[in-house]
Amino acid sequence: MSSLVELNEMVEQWDRQDDARRIGSRPRTIAEVALEHSLLMPLPEEPFETGRLFAPRVDRYGQIPVRTNRHSVPIRLIGKRVRVILRASHLVVYDQNVEVARHGRLIAKGAVRLELDHYLEVLARKPGAFLGSTALEQARSAGKFAPVHDAWWTQAMKVHGERDGTRALIEVLLLGRHMTHEHVVAGLAAALRAGAMAADAVALEARKTAQAEAEPAPDARNLGQPPATVTSLHEWSLAHLPPDTRPLPSVSHYGQLLRRRRTSGSGHREGEAQ
């Protein structure tokens, strides 16, 4: 066997040989039995659930125990009992019938899996705990907290201070709840190049990236145009205001006041002359 093509040909030959095989003393070959598949009833629309069901309670740290490991859930669920389905490769957490978390299954005993997004609300109130958090460390290891996040965060702390700069970064991370990770990263990179250390600027650039992907490819004649610059949300909203159809203001009434003042002033001088 010297190539993948030769291997595929060998596999097809094995399949043909197996189709002519009979299982035990059955009168039909495997290929003949396979023709009965069209007569079988279709599979049910909802697949059979093979996962194991748990109903743990969320502790004060926003975590749930599942067998020997712990996993995070949104902190708003602290004190509530949730439903967990443990499958071969992952587990899914439900609050009532709504999925609230999904984690890859942990193999080692006593391991902890934390999702940074689950703690953003509490970290926004205590930004000093963000840097040393285990959730941030795991997000870096998983590639969800990219180097561009660190670069933008560093510049934001230089501009706004450590506390407010960290809060600005948390606002950027909250964008990931309604934007894709790739679009947020692109928005961070564009805002960093423009020196825009505000979450609104990142959101605007992320939306522009999403719109550019949805629009058709630009014409070759427009390739020589300069790249777009970062626009603040305030400027963008002013540019999209409806046209003002009100008439221009008039100053004719002020002229009447001036004539009255000249008339009253001349009468006063005549009285002084008498």
Protein backbone atom coordinates (compact mmCIF):
# COMPACT_ATOMS: atom_id res chain seq x y z
CA MET A 1 0.00 0.00 0.00
CA SER A 2 1.68 3.15 -1.24
CA SER A 3 -1.12 5.76 -1.33
CA LEU A 4 -4.49 6.70 0.12
CA VAL A 5 -6.16 5.86 -3.20
CA GLU A 6 -4.84 2.30 -3.03
CA LEU A 7 -6.09 2.00 0.55
CA ASN A 8 -9.60 3.14 -0.46
CA GLU A 9 -9.65 0.57 -3.28
CA MET A 10 -8.73 -2.16 -0.80
CA VAL A 11 -11.52 -1.06 1.55
CA GLU A 12 -14.08 -1.18 -1.28
CA GLN A 13 -12.89 -4.69 -2.18
CA TRP A 14 -13.31 -5.80 1.44
CA ASP A 15 -16.84 -4.33 1.44
CA ARG A 16 -17.80 -6.31 -1.67
CA GLN A 17 -16.43 -9.50 -0.15
CA ASP A 18 -18.33 -8.88 3.07
CA ASP A 19 -21.59 -8.26 1.17
CA ALA A 20 -21.39 -11.85 -0.15
CA ARG A 21 -20.88 -13.29 3.33
CA ARG A 22 -23.60 -15.13 5.27
CA ILE A 23 -23.94 -14.85 9.04
CA GLY A 24 -24.13 -18.32 10.51
CA SER A 25 -26.71 -20.49 8.73
CA ARG A 26 -28.87 -17.62 7.50
CA PRO A 27 -30.15 -18.12 3.94
CA ARG A 28 -29.45 -14.55 2.82
CA THR A 29 -26.20 -12.72 2.44
CA ILE A 30 -25.42 -9.43 4.16
CA ALA A 31 -26.11 -7.48 0.95
CA GLU A 32 -29.54 -9.15 0.58
CA VAL A 33 -30.49 -8.40 4.18
CA ALA A 34 -29.47 -4.76 3.73
CA LEU A 35 -32.25 -4.37 1.12
CA GLU A 36 -34.77 -4.67 3.96
CA HIS A 37 -33.69 -1.32 5.40
CA SER A 38 -36.24 0.49 3.21
CA LEU A 39 -39.02 -1.45 4.93
CA LEU A 40 -37.99 -0.40 8.45
CA MET A 41 -39.81 2.37 10.33
CA PRO A 42 -38.01 5.73 10.54
CA LEU A 43 -36.12 6.69 13.65
CA PRO A 44 -37.93 8.97 16.16
CA GLU A 45 -37.45 12.72 15.72
CA GLU A 46 -36.14 13.10 19.27
CA PRO A 47 -33.05 10.98 19.93
CA PHE A 48 -32.95 8.69 22.91
CA GLU A 49 -31.12 10.33 25.80
CA THR A 50 -28.21 8.19 26.96
CA GLY A 51 -26.71 10.68 29.45
CA ARG A 52 -26.86 10.37 33.21
CA LEU A 53 -29.13 12.80 35.04
CA PHE A 54 -28.14 14.83 38.13
CA ALA A 55 -29.92 17.57 40.10
CA PRO A 56 -27.26 19.46 42.12
CA ARG A 57 -27.69 22.76 43.93
CA VAL A 58 -25.54 25.76 42.96
CA ASP A 59 -23.23 26.76 45.80
CA ARG A 60 -22.24 30.28 46.84
CA TYR A 61 -19.32 30.24 44.40
CA GLY A 62 -21.59 29.63 41.39
CA GLN A 63 -20.45 26.02 41.03
CA ILE A 64 -22.15 22.63 40.96
CA PRO A 65 -20.74 19.24 41.96
CA VAL A 66 -21.01 16.52 39.31
CA ARG A 67 -19.61 13.25 40.61
CA THR A 68 -16.05 14.10 41.70
CA ASN A 69 -15.65 17.40 39.79
CA ARG A 70 -17.05 20.91 39.91
CA HIS A 71 -18.32 23.14 37.10
CA SER A 72 -19.40 26.78 36.99
CA VAL A 73 -22.84 28.14 36.12
CA PRO A 74 -24.11 31.75 35.89
CA ILE A 75 -23.95 33.33 39.34
CA ARG A 76 -27.61 34.36 39.17
CA LEU A 77 -28.41 30.69 39.85
CA ILE A 78 -26.70 30.63 43.25
CA GLY A 79 -28.86 28.68 45.69
CA LYS A 80 -31.06 27.14 43.00
CA ARG A 81 -31.24 23.49 42.01
CA VAL A 82 -30.42 22.80 38.35
CA ARG A 83 -30.66 19.78 36.07
CA VAL A 84 -27.47 18.28 34.63
CA ILE A 85 -27.13 15.70 31.87
CA LEU A 86 -23.72 14.04 31.89
CA ARG A 87 -22.73 12.51 28.54
CA ALA A 88 -19.62 10.77 27.30
CA SER A 89 -17.74 13.88 26.17
CA HIS A 90 -19.57 16.81 27.80
CA LEU A 91 -22.25 17.86 30.26
CA VAL A 92 -25.18 20.26 29.82
CA VAL A 93 -26.77 22.30 32.61
CA TYR A 94 -30.44 23.34 32.46
CA ASP A 95 -32.43 25.83 34.51
CA GLN A 96 -35.95 24.50 34.03
CA ASN A 97 -35.87 23.74 30.28
CA VAL A 98 -33.34 26.45 29.32
CA GLU A 99 -29.71 25.54 28.73
CA VAL A 100 -27.50 27.77 30.88
CA ALA A 101 -24.07 26.10 30.66
CA ARG A 102 -22.16 23.51 28.66
CA HIS A 103 -18.77 22.09 29.64
CA GLY A 104 -16.41 19.49 28.28
CA ARG A 105 -16.27 16.47 30.54
CA LEU A 106 -13.38 16.39 33.00
CA ILE A 107 -11.43 13.15 33.26
CA ALA A 108 -9.30 13.76 36.36
CA LYS A 109 -10.88 13.53 39.80
CA GLY A 110 -11.28 16.70 41.85
CA ALA A 111 -10.90 18.98 38.81
CA VAL A 112 -12.71 22.32 38.41
CA ARG A 113 -13.94 23.86 35.15
CA LEU A 114 -14.81 27.58 35.32
CA GLU A 115 -16.28 29.74 32.54
CA LEU A 116 -15.19 33.40 32.70
CA ASP A 117 -18.51 34.60 31.27
CA HIS A 118 -20.36 33.20 34.31
CA TYR A 119 -18.57 35.63 36.67
CA LEU A 120 -18.52 38.87 34.67
CA GLU A 121 -21.31 40.55 36.66
CA VAL A 122 -19.60 40.03 40.01
CA LEU A 123 -16.19 40.94 38.58
CA ALA A 124 -17.63 44.21 37.27
CA ARG A 125 -18.48 45.10 40.87
CA LYS A 126 -15.07 43.91 42.11
CA PRO A 127 -12.66 44.54 39.22
CA GLY A 128 -9.65 44.09 41.50
CA ALA A 129 -10.34 40.35 41.64
CA PHE A 130 -10.28 39.97 37.86
CA LEU A 131 -6.52 39.66 37.35
CA GLY A 132 -5.96 36.78 39.78
CA SER A 133 -9.16 34.86 39.05
CA THR A 134 -9.00 31.18 38.17
CA ALA A 135 -11.67 31.74 35.49
CA LEU A 136 -9.35 34.18 33.68
CA GLU A 137 -6.46 31.70 33.84
CA GLN A 138 -8.60 28.95 32.35
CA ALA A 139 -9.92 31.31 29.66
CA ARG A 140 -6.33 32.08 28.63
CA SER A 141 -5.47 28.37 28.49
CA ALA A 142 -8.53 27.67 26.33
CA GLY A 143 -7.72 30.52 23.92
CA LYS A 144 -10.89 32.45 24.77
CA PHE A 145 -8.84 35.32 26.24
CA ALA A 146 -6.52 36.15 23.37
CA PRO A 147 -3.34 38.30 23.39
CA VAL A 148 -5.32 41.15 21.83
CA HIS A 149 -7.48 41.17 24.97
CA ASP A 150 -4.37 41.67 27.11
CA ALA A 151 -2.99 44.37 24.80
CA TRP A 152 -6.26 46.34 24.78
CA TRP A 153 -6.64 45.88 28.54
CA THR A 154 -3.14 47.24 29.17
CA GLN A 155 -3.80 50.37 27.12
CA ALA A 156 -7.22 50.84 28.73
CA MET A 157 -5.66 50.81 32.21
CA LYS A 158 -3.11 53.41 31.09
CA VAL A 159 -5.88 55.69 29.85
CA HIS A 160 -8.61 55.12 32.47
CA GLY A 161 -6.71 53.72 35.43
CA GLU A 162 -6.56 50.13 36.64
CA ARG A 163 -10.10 49.96 38.06
CA ASP A 164 -11.99 51.68 35.24
CA GLY A 165 -9.79 50.09 32.57
CA THR A 166 -10.64 46.62 33.91
CA ARG A 167 -14.33 47.49 33.96
CA ALA A 168 -14.07 48.59 30.33
CA LEU A 169 -12.54 45.22 29.46
CA ILE A 170 -15.38 43.41 31.27
CA GLU A 171 -17.87 45.41 29.19
CA VAL A 172 -16.03 44.18 26.10
CA LEU A 173 -16.23 40.58 27.32
CA LEU A 174 -19.97 40.97 27.86
CA LEU A 175 -20.28 41.66 24.12
CA GLY A 176 -19.55 37.98 23.59
CA ARG A 177 -23.06 37.13 24.77
CA HIS A 178 -24.59 38.49 21.58
CA MET A 179 -21.58 38.59 19.22
CA THR A 180 -19.23 35.89 18.01
CA HIS A 181 -15.78 35.60 19.55
CA GLU A 182 -14.10 36.27 16.20
CA HIS A 183 -16.00 39.54 15.67
CA VAL A 184 -15.16 40.79 19.18
CA VAL A 185 -11.48 39.99 18.64
CA ALA A 186 -11.55 41.88 15.32
CA GLY A 187 -13.21 44.83 17.04
CA LEU A 188 -10.55 44.84 19.76
CA ALA A 189 -7.77 44.83 17.16
CA ALA A 190 -9.33 47.71 15.20
CA ALA A 191 -9.99 49.78 18.32
CA LEU A 192 -6.45 49.14 19.57
CA ARG A 193 -4.95 50.38 16.28
CA ALA A 194 -7.06 53.53 16.49
CA GLY A 195 -6.32 54.13 20.18
CA ALA A 196 -10.00 53.85 21.11
CA MET A 197 -10.05 52.49 24.66
CA ALA A 198 -13.83 52.31 25.10
CA ALA A 199 -16.18 49.34 24.96
CA ASP A 200 -18.52 51.28 22.63
CA ALA A 201 -15.73 51.61 20.06
CA VAL A 202 -15.03 47.87 20.21
CA ALA A 203 -18.73 47.12 19.81
CA LEU A 204 -18.97 49.39 16.77
CA GLU A 205 -15.92 47.86 15.10
CA ALA A 206 -17.20 44.34 15.84
CA ARG A 207 -20.53 45.18 14.19
CA LYS A 208 -18.72 46.64 11.18
CA THR A 209 -16.76 43.39 10.84
CA ALA A 210 -19.96 41.34 11.03
CA GLN A 211 -21.64 43.54 8.41
CA ALA A 212 -18.61 43.33 6.12
CA GLU A 213 -18.78 39.52 6.24
CA ALA A 214 -22.49 39.56 5.44
CA GLU A 215 -22.10 41.97 2.50
CA PRO A 216 -20.85 40.82 -0.94
CA ALA A 217 -17.18 41.18 -1.85
CA PRO A 218 -16.17 44.76 -2.84
CA ASP A 219 -15.64 45.68 -6.47
CA ALA A 220 -12.03 45.68 -7.70
CA ARG A 221 -12.34 49.40 -8.45
CA ASN A 222 -12.78 50.14 -4.74
CA LEU A 223 -9.68 48.26 -3.59
CA GLY A 224 -7.55 51.40 -3.70
CA GLN A 225 -9.70 53.28 -1.18
CA PRO A 226 -8.17 53.99 2.26
CA PRO A 227 -9.32 51.79 5.15
CA ALA A 228 -12.22 52.95 7.26
CA THR A 229 -11.49 54.73 10.53
CA VAL A 230 -13.07 54.19 13.93
CA THR A 231 -16.24 56.25 14.40
CA SER A 232 -17.73 56.94 17.81
CA LEU A 233 -21.32 55.95 18.48
CA HIS A 234 -22.23 59.62 19.01
CA GLU A 235 -20.96 60.60 15.56
CA TRP A 236 -22.63 57.58 14.01
CA SER A 237 -26.01 58.47 15.57
CA LEU A 238 -25.74 62.09 14.37
CA ALA A 239 -25.00 60.92 10.84
CA HIS A 240 -28.16 58.77 10.82
CA LEU A 241 -30.60 61.41 12.15
CA PRO A 242 -33.65 62.13 9.95
CA PRO A 243 -33.49 65.34 7.83
CA ASP A 244 -34.52 68.56 9.60
CA THR A 245 -37.43 70.13 7.63
CA ARG A 246 -38.07 73.03 10.03
CA PRO A 247 -37.77 76.59 8.56
CA LEU A 248 -34.72 78.68 9.41
CA PRO A 249 -35.18 81.11 12.33
CA SER A 250 -35.99 84.75 11.51
CA VAL A 251 -34.52 87.88 13.19
CA SER A 252 -37.07 90.34 11.81
CA HIS A 253 -38.71 90.78 15.20
CA TYR A 254 -35.44 92.01 16.69
CA GLY A 255 -35.44 94.88 14.15
CA GLN A 256 -38.80 96.10 15.49
CA LEU A 257 -37.36 96.21 19.00
CA LEU A 258 -34.46 98.34 17.82
CA ARG A 259 -36.83 100.83 16.11
CA ARG A 260 -38.88 101.12 19.28
CA ARG A 261 -35.76 101.80 21.31
CA ARG A 262 -34.63 104.57 18.93
CA THR A 263 -38.12 106.16 19.06
CA SER A 264 -38.33 106.08 22.84
CA GLY A 265 -34.80 107.47 23.14
CA SER A 266 -35.49 110.44 20.86
CA GLY A 267 -38.68 111.34 22.77
CA HIS A 268 -36.77 111.38 26.03
CA ARG A 269 -34.19 113.78 24.58
CA GLU A 270 -36.93 116.17 23.33
CA GLY A 271 -38.41 116.30 26.83
CA GLU A 272 -35.04 117.23 28.25
CA ALA A 273 -34.67 120.04 25.68
CA GLN A 274 -37.99 121.60 26.75
